[in-house]
Amino acid sequence: GKQNAVFLRYETKFENGSFVRGKVTGANLRGTYQG
């Protein structure tokens, strides 16, 4: 609602040779209003 870009962060595991996402644990926010 504040016009932030929200990038979700996930619990990360290594399984079968690759990364696998678990539960959502947080978020990065980036403001996008002019200036």
PDB file of all heavy atoms in Angstrom:
ATOM      1  N   GLY A   1       0.784  -1.229   0.000  1.00  0.00           N
ATOM      2  CA  GLY A   1       0.000   0.000   0.000  1.00  0.00           C
ATOM      3  C   GLY A   1       0.811   1.271   0.000  1.00  0.00           C
ATOM      4  O   GLY A   1       0.279   2.350  -0.279  1.00  0.00           O
ATOM      5  N   LYS A   2       2.114   1.186   0.291  1.00  0.00           N
ATOM      6  CA  LYS A   2       2.992   2.352   0.278  1.00  0.00           C
ATOM      7  C   LYS A   2       3.772   2.448  -1.031  1.00  0.00           C
ATOM      8  O   LYS A   2       4.721   3.220  -1.135  1.00  0.00           O
ATOM      9  CB  LYS A   2       3.961   2.293   1.462  1.00  0.00           C
ATOM     10  CG  LYS A   2       3.272   2.346   2.812  1.00  0.00           C
ATOM     11  CD  LYS A   2       4.275   2.307   3.952  1.00  0.00           C
ATOM     12  CE  LYS A   2       3.570   2.377   5.307  1.00  0.00           C
ATOM     13  NZ  LYS A   2       4.532   2.324   6.438  1.00  0.00           N
ATOM     14  N   GLN A   3       3.370   1.666  -1.993  1.00  0.00           N
ATOM     15  CA  GLN A   3       4.015   1.599  -3.314  1.00  0.00           C
ATOM     16  C   GLN A   3       5.459   1.118  -3.205  1.00  0.00           C
ATOM     17  O   GLN A   3       6.341   1.541  -3.956  1.00  0.00           O
ATOM     18  CB  GLN A   3       3.949   2.938  -4.050  1.00  0.00           C
ATOM     19  CG  GLN A   3       4.143   2.812  -5.570  1.00  0.00           C
ATOM     20  CD  GLN A   3       3.972   4.122  -6.294  1.00  0.00           C
ATOM     21  OE1 GLN A   3       2.907   4.737  -6.230  1.00  0.00           O
ATOM     22  NE2 GLN A   3       5.019   4.576  -6.990  1.00  0.00           N
ATOM     23  N   ASN A   4       5.702   0.248  -2.247  1.00  0.00           N
ATOM     24  CA  ASN A   4       6.991  -0.433  -2.181  1.00  0.00           C
ATOM     25  C   ASN A   4       6.949  -1.683  -3.044  1.00  0.00           C
ATOM     26  O   ASN A   4       5.923  -2.362  -3.118  1.00  0.00           O
ATOM     27  CB  ASN A   4       7.306  -0.877  -0.739  1.00  0.00           C
ATOM     28  CG  ASN A   4       7.578   0.276   0.183  1.00  0.00           C
ATOM     29  OD1 ASN A   4       8.312   1.202  -0.158  1.00  0.00           O
ATOM     30  ND2 ASN A   4       6.987   0.239   1.367  1.00  0.00           N
ATOM     31  N   ALA A   5       8.070  -1.992  -3.676  1.00  0.00           N
ATOM     32  CA  ALA A   5       8.233  -3.310  -4.279  1.00  0.00           C
ATOM     33  C   ALA A   5       8.566  -4.266  -3.139  1.00  0.00           C
ATOM     34  O   ALA A   5       9.477  -4.013  -2.357  1.00  0.00           O
ATOM     35  CB  ALA A   5       9.358  -3.297  -5.307  1.00  0.00           C
ATOM     36  N   VAL A   6       7.794  -5.336  -3.023  1.00  0.00           N
ATOM     37  CA  VAL A   6       7.973  -6.310  -1.947  1.00  0.00           C
ATOM     38  C   VAL A   6       8.585  -7.582  -2.535  1.00  0.00           C
ATOM     39  O   VAL A   6       7.991  -8.224  -3.401  1.00  0.00           O
ATOM     40  CB  VAL A   6       6.634  -6.632  -1.261  1.00  0.00           C
ATOM     41  CG1 VAL A   6       6.835  -7.650  -0.137  1.00  0.00           C
ATOM     42  CG2 VAL A   6       5.980  -5.363  -0.731  1.00  0.00           C
ATOM     43  N   PHE A   7       9.774  -7.940  -2.064  1.00  0.00           N
ATOM     44  CA  PHE A   7      10.480  -9.145  -2.509  1.00  0.00           C
ATOM     45  C   PHE A   7      10.462 -10.142  -1.349  1.00  0.00           C
ATOM     46  O   PHE A   7      11.116  -9.919  -0.332  1.00  0.00           O
ATOM     47  CB  PHE A   7      11.926  -8.819  -2.889  1.00  0.00           C
ATOM     48  CG  PHE A   7      12.071  -7.816  -3.999  1.00  0.00           C
ATOM     49  CD1 PHE A   7      12.114  -6.449  -3.724  1.00  0.00           C
ATOM     50  CD2 PHE A   7      12.168  -8.234  -5.319  1.00  0.00           C
ATOM     51  CE1 PHE A   7      12.257  -5.521  -4.755  1.00  0.00           C
ATOM     52  CE2 PHE A   7      12.314  -7.317  -6.344  1.00  0.00           C
ATOM     53  CZ  PHE A   7      12.359  -5.954  -6.063  1.00  0.00           C
ATOM     54  N   LEU A   8       9.742 -11.229  -1.507  1.00  0.00           N
ATOM     55  CA  LEU A   8       9.596 -12.190  -0.416  1.00  0.00           C
ATOM     56  C   LEU A   8      10.842 -13.045  -0.229  1.00  0.00           C
ATOM     57  O   LEU A   8      11.443 -13.510  -1.196  1.00  0.00           O
ATOM     58  CB  LEU A   8       8.389 -13.090  -0.656  1.00  0.00           C
ATOM     59  CG  LEU A   8       7.020 -12.412  -0.559  1.00  0.00           C
ATOM     60  CD1 LEU A   8       5.925 -13.422  -0.828  1.00  0.00           C
ATOM     61  CD2 LEU A   8       6.813 -11.750   0.801  1.00  0.00           C
ATOM     62  N   ARG A   9      11.194 -13.243   1.024  1.00  0.00           N
ATOM     63  CA  ARG A   9      12.357 -14.060   1.405  1.00  0.00           C
ATOM     64  C   ARG A   9      11.843 -15.403   1.924  1.00  0.00           C
ATOM     65  O   ARG A   9      10.853 -15.455   2.656  1.00  0.00           O
ATOM     66  CB  ARG A   9      13.171 -13.358   2.488  1.00  0.00           C
ATOM     67  CG  ARG A   9      13.676 -11.983   2.078  1.00  0.00           C
ATOM     68  CD  ARG A   9      14.130 -11.198   3.294  1.00  0.00           C
ATOM     69  NE  ARG A   9      15.314 -11.779   3.913  1.00  0.00           N
ATOM     70  CZ  ARG A   9      16.546 -11.291   3.770  1.00  0.00           C
ATOM     71  NH1 ARG A   9      16.748 -10.202   3.026  1.00  0.00           N
ATOM     72  NH2 ARG A   9      17.572 -11.847   4.372  1.00  0.00           N
ATOM     73  N   TYR A  10      12.554 -16.468   1.574  1.00  0.00           N
ATOM     74  CA  TYR A  10      12.109 -17.810   1.942  1.00  0.00           C
ATOM     75  C   TYR A  10      13.182 -18.590   2.692  1.00  0.00           C
ATOM     76  O   TYR A  10      14.382 -18.453   2.409  1.00  0.00           O
ATOM     77  CB  TYR A  10      11.751 -18.612   0.684  1.00  0.00           C
ATOM     78  CG  TYR A  10      10.437 -18.245   0.056  1.00  0.00           C
ATOM     79  CD1 TYR A  10      10.324 -17.131  -0.769  1.00  0.00           C
ATOM     80  CD2 TYR A  10       9.291 -19.008   0.270  1.00  0.00           C
ATOM     81  CE1 TYR A  10       9.123 -16.784  -1.354  1.00  0.00           C
ATOM     82  CE2 TYR A  10       8.079 -18.667  -0.310  1.00  0.00           C
ATOM     83  CZ  TYR A  10       8.000 -17.561  -1.121  1.00  0.00           C
ATOM     84  OH  TYR A  10       6.799 -17.223  -1.702  1.00  0.00           O
ATOM     85  N   GLU A  11      12.716 -19.420   3.620  1.00  0.00           N
ATOM     86  CA  GLU A  11      13.579 -20.448   4.174  1.00  0.00           C
ATOM     87  C   GLU A  11      14.115 -21.266   2.993  1.00  0.00           C
ATOM     88  O   GLU A  11      13.359 -21.604   2.076  1.00  0.00           O
ATOM     89  CB  GLU A  11      12.754 -21.334   5.105  1.00  0.00           C
ATOM     90  CG  GLU A  11      13.492 -22.511   5.683  1.00  0.00           C
ATOM     91  CD  GLU A  11      12.569 -23.416   6.479  1.00  0.00           C
ATOM     92  OE1 GLU A  11      11.328 -23.348   6.279  1.00  0.00           O
ATOM     93  OE2 GLU A  11      13.083 -24.195   7.287  1.00  0.00           O
ATOM     94  N   THR A  12      15.411 -21.548   2.999  1.00  0.00           N
ATOM     95  CA  THR A  12      16.033 -22.197   1.843  1.00  0.00           C
ATOM     96  C   THR A  12      16.752 -23.467   2.256  1.00  0.00           C
ATOM     97  O   THR A  12      17.578 -23.457   3.169  1.00  0.00           O
ATOM     98  CB  THR A  12      17.020 -21.231   1.150  1.00  0.00           C
ATOM     99  OG1 THR A  12      16.296 -20.063   0.719  1.00  0.00           O
ATOM    100  CG2 THR A  12      17.668 -21.889  -0.051  1.00  0.00           C
ATOM    101  N   LYS A  13      16.437 -24.550   1.571  1.00  0.00           N
ATOM    102  CA  LYS A  13      17.048 -25.844   1.844  1.00  0.00           C
ATOM    103  C   LYS A  13      17.766 -26.335   0.584  1.00  0.00           C
ATOM    104  O   LYS A  13      17.472 -25.894  -0.531  1.00  0.00           O
ATOM    105  CB  LYS A  13      15.984 -26.862   2.256  1.00  0.00           C
ATOM    106  CG  LYS A  13      15.163 -26.443   3.466  1.00  0.00           C
ATOM    107  CD  LYS A  13      14.062 -27.437   3.755  1.00  0.00           C
ATOM    108  CE  LYS A  13      13.202 -26.998   4.940  1.00  0.00           C
ATOM    109  NZ  LYS A  13      12.102 -27.962   5.202  1.00  0.00           N
ATOM    110  N   PHE A  14      18.711 -27.246   0.779  1.00  0.00           N
ATOM    111  CA  PHE A  14      19.388 -27.888  -0.343  1.00  0.00           C
ATOM    112  C   PHE A  14      18.920 -29.331  -0.413  1.00  0.00           C
ATOM    113  O   PHE A  14      19.169 -30.117   0.497  1.00  0.00           O
ATOM    114  CB  PHE A  14      20.904 -27.822  -0.175  1.00  0.00           C
ATOM    115  CG  PHE A  14      21.661 -28.389  -1.350  1.00  0.00           C
ATOM    116  CD1 PHE A  14      21.834 -27.644  -2.509  1.00  0.00           C
ATOM    117  CD2 PHE A  14      22.177 -29.679  -1.301  1.00  0.00           C
ATOM    118  CE1 PHE A  14      22.520 -28.169  -3.602  1.00  0.00           C
ATOM    119  CE2 PHE A  14      22.864 -30.208  -2.382  1.00  0.00           C
ATOM    120  CZ  PHE A  14      23.037 -29.453  -3.530  1.00  0.00           C
ATOM    121  N   GLU A  15      18.221 -29.660  -1.497  1.00  0.00           N
ATOM    122  CA  GLU A  15      17.687 -31.006  -1.666  1.00  0.00           C
ATOM    123  C   GLU A  15      17.839 -31.449  -3.112  1.00  0.00           C
ATOM    124  O   GLU A  15      17.551 -30.681  -4.040  1.00  0.00           O
ATOM    125  CB  GLU A  15      16.203 -31.052  -1.274  1.00  0.00           C
ATOM    126  CG  GLU A  15      15.918 -30.750   0.190  1.00  0.00           C
ATOM    127  CD  GLU A  15      14.435 -30.779   0.518  1.00  0.00           C
ATOM    128  OE1 GLU A  15      13.628 -31.022  -0.410  1.00  0.00           O
ATOM    129  OE2 GLU A  15      14.077 -30.562   1.697  1.00  0.00           O
ATOM    130  N   ASN A  16      18.283 -32.678  -3.297  1.00  0.00           N
ATOM    131  CA  ASN A  16      18.393 -33.266  -4.635  1.00  0.00           C
ATOM    132  C   ASN A  16      19.172 -32.380  -5.605  1.00  0.00           C
ATOM    133  O   ASN A  16      18.792 -32.211  -6.759  1.00  0.00           O
ATOM    134  CB  ASN A  16      16.998 -33.561  -5.200  1.00  0.00           C
ATOM    135  CG  ASN A  16      16.216 -34.539  -4.337  1.00  0.00           C
ATOM    136  OD1 ASN A  16      16.771 -35.523  -3.845  1.00  0.00           O
ATOM    137  ND2 ASN A  16      14.934 -34.254  -4.134  1.00  0.00           N
ATOM    138  N   GLY A  17      20.264 -31.785  -5.101  1.00  0.00           N
ATOM    139  CA  GLY A  17      21.141 -31.009  -5.963  1.00  0.00           C
ATOM    140  C   GLY A  17      20.709 -29.596  -6.246  1.00  0.00           C
ATOM    141  O   GLY A  17      21.316 -28.917  -7.073  1.00  0.00           O
ATOM    142  N   SER A  18      19.659 -29.098  -5.562  1.00  0.00           N
ATOM    143  CA  SER A  18      19.173 -27.755  -5.863  1.00  0.00           C
ATOM    144  C   SER A  18      18.644 -27.078  -4.609  1.00  0.00           C
ATOM    145  O   SER A  18      18.481 -27.701  -3.558  1.00  0.00           O
ATOM    146  CB  SER A  18      18.078 -27.810  -6.927  1.00  0.00           C
ATOM    147  OG  SER A  18      17.724 -26.497  -7.348  1.00  0.00           O
ATOM    148  N   PHE A  19      18.363 -25.783  -4.713  1.00  0.00           N
ATOM    149  CA  PHE A  19      17.728 -25.038  -3.638  1.00  0.00           C
ATOM    150  C   PHE A  19      16.222 -25.264  -3.699  1.00  0.00           C
ATOM    151  O   PHE A  19      15.621 -25.312  -4.776  1.00  0.00           O
ATOM    152  CB  PHE A  19      18.006 -23.541  -3.760  1.00  0.00           C
ATOM    153  CG  PHE A  19      19.381 -23.130  -3.312  1.00  0.00           C
ATOM    154  CD1 PHE A  19      20.321 -24.058  -2.892  1.00  0.00           C
ATOM    155  CD2 PHE A  19      19.743 -21.795  -3.298  1.00  0.00           C
ATOM    156  CE1 PHE A  19      21.582 -23.683  -2.475  1.00  0.00           C
ATOM    157  CE2 PHE A  19      21.006 -21.392  -2.880  1.00  0.00           C
ATOM    158  CZ  PHE A  19      21.925 -22.343  -2.472  1.00  0.00           C
ATOM    159  N   VAL A  20      15.611 -25.371  -2.530  1.00  0.00           N
ATOM    160  CA  VAL A  20      14.166 -25.560  -2.422  1.00  0.00           C
ATOM    161  C   VAL A  20      13.623 -24.549  -1.416  1.00  0.00           C
ATOM    162  O   VAL A  20      14.198 -24.364  -0.343  1.00  0.00           O
ATOM    163  CB  VAL A  20      13.827 -26.993  -1.961  1.00  0.00           C
ATOM    164  CG1 VAL A  20      12.322 -27.158  -1.780  1.00  0.00           C
ATOM    165  CG2 VAL A  20      14.364 -28.014  -2.954  1.00  0.00           C
ATOM    166  N   ARG A  21      12.526 -23.893  -1.762  1.00  0.00           N
ATOM    167  CA  ARG A  21      11.928 -22.910  -0.859  1.00  0.00           C
ATOM    168  C   ARG A  21      11.060 -23.599   0.185  1.00  0.00           C
ATOM    169  O   ARG A  21      10.297 -24.503  -0.113  1.00  0.00           O
ATOM    170  CB  ARG A  21      11.075 -21.899  -1.634  1.00  0.00           C
ATOM    171  CG  ARG A  21      11.878 -20.958  -2.507  1.00  0.00           C
ATOM    172  CD  ARG A  21      11.000 -19.874  -3.125  1.00  0.00           C
ATOM    173  NE  ARG A  21      11.791 -19.021  -3.981  1.00  0.00           N
ATOM    174  CZ  ARG A  21      11.995 -19.243  -5.273  1.00  0.00           C
ATOM    175  NH1 ARG A  21      11.423 -20.284  -5.852  1.00  0.00           N
ATOM    176  NH2 ARG A  21      12.741 -18.431  -5.985  1.00  0.00           N
ATOM    177  N   GLY A  22      11.190 -23.109   1.429  1.00  0.00           N
ATOM    178  CA  GLY A  22      10.317 -23.527   2.504  1.00  0.00           C
ATOM    179  C   GLY A  22       9.279 -22.451   2.749  1.00  0.00           C
ATOM    180  O   GLY A  22       8.706 -21.897   1.813  1.00  0.00           O
ATOM    181  N   LYS A  23       9.083 -22.093   4.010  1.00  0.00           N
ATOM    182  CA  LYS A  23       8.082 -21.078   4.344  1.00  0.00           C
ATOM    183  C   LYS A  23       8.620 -19.672   4.084  1.00  0.00           C
ATOM    184  O   LYS A  23       9.836 -19.445   4.030  1.00  0.00           O
ATOM    185  CB  LYS A  23       7.679 -21.216   5.805  1.00  0.00           C
ATOM    186  CG  LYS A  23       8.808 -20.918   6.779  1.00  0.00           C
ATOM    187  CD  LYS A  23       8.336 -21.082   8.219  1.00  0.00           C
ATOM    188  CE  LYS A  23       9.475 -20.787   9.206  1.00  0.00           C
ATOM    189  NZ  LYS A  23       9.037 -20.956  10.607  1.00  0.00           N
ATOM    190  N   VAL A  24       7.710 -18.725   3.912  1.00  0.00           N
ATOM    191  CA  VAL A  24       8.084 -17.312   3.793  1.00  0.00           C
ATOM    192  C   VAL A  24       8.548 -16.831   5.159  1.00  0.00           C
ATOM    193  O   VAL A  24       7.869 -17.035   6.167  1.00  0.00           O
ATOM    194  CB  VAL A  24       6.898 -16.461   3.315  1.00  0.00           C
ATOM    195  CG1 VAL A  24       7.296 -14.985   3.251  1.00  0.00           C
ATOM    196  CG2 VAL A  24       6.418 -16.928   1.948  1.00  0.00           C
ATOM    197  N   THR A  25       9.727 -16.191   5.193  1.00  0.00           N
ATOM    198  CA  THR A  25      10.296 -15.758   6.474  1.00  0.00           C
ATOM    199  C   THR A  25      10.446 -14.246   6.599  1.00  0.00           C
ATOM    200  O   THR A  25      10.726 -13.742   7.693  1.00  0.00           O
ATOM    201  CB  THR A  25      11.685 -16.387   6.677  1.00  0.00           C
ATOM    202  OG1 THR A  25      12.562 -15.941   5.629  1.00  0.00           O
ATOM    203  CG2 THR A  25      11.606 -17.909   6.659  1.00  0.00           C
ATOM    204  N   GLY A  26      10.304 -13.507   5.500  1.00  0.00           N
ATOM    205  CA  GLY A  26      10.502 -12.068   5.562  1.00  0.00           C
ATOM    206  C   GLY A  26      10.342 -11.434   4.195  1.00  0.00           C
ATOM    207  O   GLY A  26       9.924 -12.087   3.235  1.00  0.00           O
ATOM    208  N   ALA A  27      10.688 -10.161   4.121  1.00  0.00           N
ATOM    209  CA  ALA A  27      10.562  -9.450   2.851  1.00  0.00           C
ATOM    210  C   ALA A  27      11.495  -8.254   2.798  1.00  0.00           C
ATOM    211  O   ALA A  27      11.676  -7.557   3.800  1.00  0.00           O
ATOM    212  CB  ALA A  27       9.119  -8.982   2.629  1.00  0.00           C
ATOM    213  N   ASN A  28      12.100  -8.047   1.628  1.00  0.00           N
ATOM    214  CA  ASN A  28      12.821  -6.813   1.321  1.00  0.00           C
ATOM    215  C   ASN A  28      11.846  -5.816   0.723  1.00  0.00           C
ATOM    216  O   ASN A  28      10.995  -6.191  -0.087  1.00  0.00           O
ATOM    217  CB  ASN A  28      13.940  -7.072   0.314  1.00  0.00           C
ATOM    218  CG  ASN A  28      15.096  -7.832   0.916  1.00  0.00           C
ATOM    219  OD1 ASN A  28      15.026  -9.046   1.062  1.00  0.00           O
ATOM    220  ND2 ASN A  28      16.160  -7.130   1.261  1.00  0.00           N
ATOM    221  N   LEU A  29      11.989  -4.553   1.109  1.00  0.00           N
ATOM    222  CA  LEU A  29      11.141  -3.496   0.579  1.00  0.00           C
ATOM    223  C   LEU A  29      11.995  -2.475  -0.170  1.00  0.00           C
ATOM    224  O   LEU A  29      13.077  -2.111   0.292  1.00  0.00           O
ATOM    225  CB  LEU A  29      10.392  -2.782   1.715  1.00  0.00           C
ATOM    226  CG  LEU A  29       9.573  -3.669   2.666  1.00  0.00           C
ATOM    227  CD1 LEU A  29       8.940  -2.816   3.765  1.00  0.00           C
ATOM    228  CD2 LEU A  29       8.512  -4.447   1.906  1.00  0.00           C
ATOM    229  N   ARG A  30      11.482  -2.039  -1.318  1.00  0.00           N
ATOM    230  CA  ARG A  30      12.173  -0.997  -2.101  1.00  0.00           C
ATOM    231  C   ARG A  30      11.158   0.051  -2.511  1.00  0.00           C
ATOM    232  O   ARG A  30      10.189  -0.242  -3.217  1.00  0.00           O
ATOM    233  CB  ARG A  30      12.830  -1.592  -3.350  1.00  0.00           C
ATOM    234  CG  ARG A  30      13.581  -0.562  -4.202  1.00  0.00           C
ATOM    235  CD  ARG A  30      14.740   0.033  -3.396  1.00  0.00           C
ATOM    236  NE  ARG A  30      15.675   0.799  -4.186  1.00  0.00           N
ATOM    237  CZ  ARG A  30      15.613   2.121  -4.383  1.00  0.00           C
ATOM    238  NH1 ARG A  30      14.600   2.829  -3.886  1.00  0.00           N
ATOM    239  NH2 ARG A  30      16.545   2.747  -5.062  1.00  0.00           N
ATOM    240  N   GLY A  31      11.364   1.299  -2.021  1.00  0.00           N
ATOM    241  CA  GLY A  31      10.465   2.383  -2.380  1.00  0.00           C
ATOM    242  C   GLY A  31      10.533   2.699  -3.862  1.00  0.00           C
ATOM    243  O   GLY A  31      11.607   2.673  -4.461  1.00  0.00           O
ATOM    244  N   THR A  32       9.385   3.019  -4.454  1.00  0.00           N
ATOM    245  CA  THR A  32       9.359   3.284  -5.899  1.00  0.00           C
ATOM    246  C   THR A  32       8.752   4.634  -6.254  1.00  0.00           C
ATOM    247  O   THR A  32       8.626   4.958  -7.432  1.00  0.00           O
ATOM    248  CB  THR A  32       8.586   2.183  -6.650  1.00  0.00           C
ATOM    249  OG1 THR A  32       7.196   2.238  -6.299  1.00  0.00           O
ATOM    250  CG2 THR A  32       9.149   0.805  -6.329  1.00  0.00           C
ATOM    251  N   TYR A  33       8.350   5.420  -5.238  1.00  0.00           N
ATOM    252  CA  TYR A  33       7.885   6.774  -5.550  1.00  0.00           C
ATOM    253  C   TYR A  33       9.043   7.568  -6.153  1.00  0.00           C
ATOM    254  O   TYR A  33      10.212   7.314  -5.853  1.00  0.00           O
ATOM    255  CB  TYR A  33       7.399   7.490  -4.284  1.00  0.00           C
ATOM    256  CG  TYR A  33       5.993   7.132  -3.877  1.00  0.00           C
ATOM    257  CD1 TYR A  33       5.744   6.396  -2.723  1.00  0.00           C
ATOM    258  CD2 TYR A  33       4.906   7.536  -4.650  1.00  0.00           C
ATOM    259  CE1 TYR A  33       4.446   6.076  -2.342  1.00  0.00           C
ATOM    260  CE2 TYR A  33       3.611   7.221  -4.277  1.00  0.00           C
ATOM    261  CZ  TYR A  33       3.386   6.486  -3.124  1.00  0.00           C
ATOM    262  OH  TYR A  33       2.102   6.155  -2.759  1.00  0.00           O
ATOM    263  N   GLN A  34       8.727   8.526  -7.014  1.00  0.00           N
ATOM    264  CA  GLN A  34       9.759   9.339  -7.646  1.00  0.00           C
ATOM    265  C   GLN A  34      10.631  10.008  -6.584  1.00  0.00           C
ATOM    266  O   GLN A  34      10.136  10.657  -5.671  1.00  0.00           O
ATOM    267  CB  GLN A  34       9.135  10.400  -8.546  1.00  0.00           C
ATOM    268  CG  GLN A  34      10.164  11.186  -9.346  1.00  0.00           C
ATOM    269  CD  GLN A  34       9.504  12.116 -10.351  1.00  0.00           C
ATOM    270  OE1 GLN A  34       8.295  12.238 -10.414  1.00  0.00           O
ATOM    271  NE2 GLN A  34      10.321  12.774 -11.155  1.00  0.00           N
ATOM    272  N   GLY A  35      11.935   9.813  -6.697  1.00  0.00           N
ATOM    273  CA  GLY A  35      12.875  10.403  -5.764  1.00  0.00           C
ATOM    274  C   GLY A  35      13.107   9.590  -4.500  1.00  0.00           C
ATOM    275  O   GLY A  35      13.944   9.954  -3.672  1.00  0.00           O
TER     276      GLY A  35
END
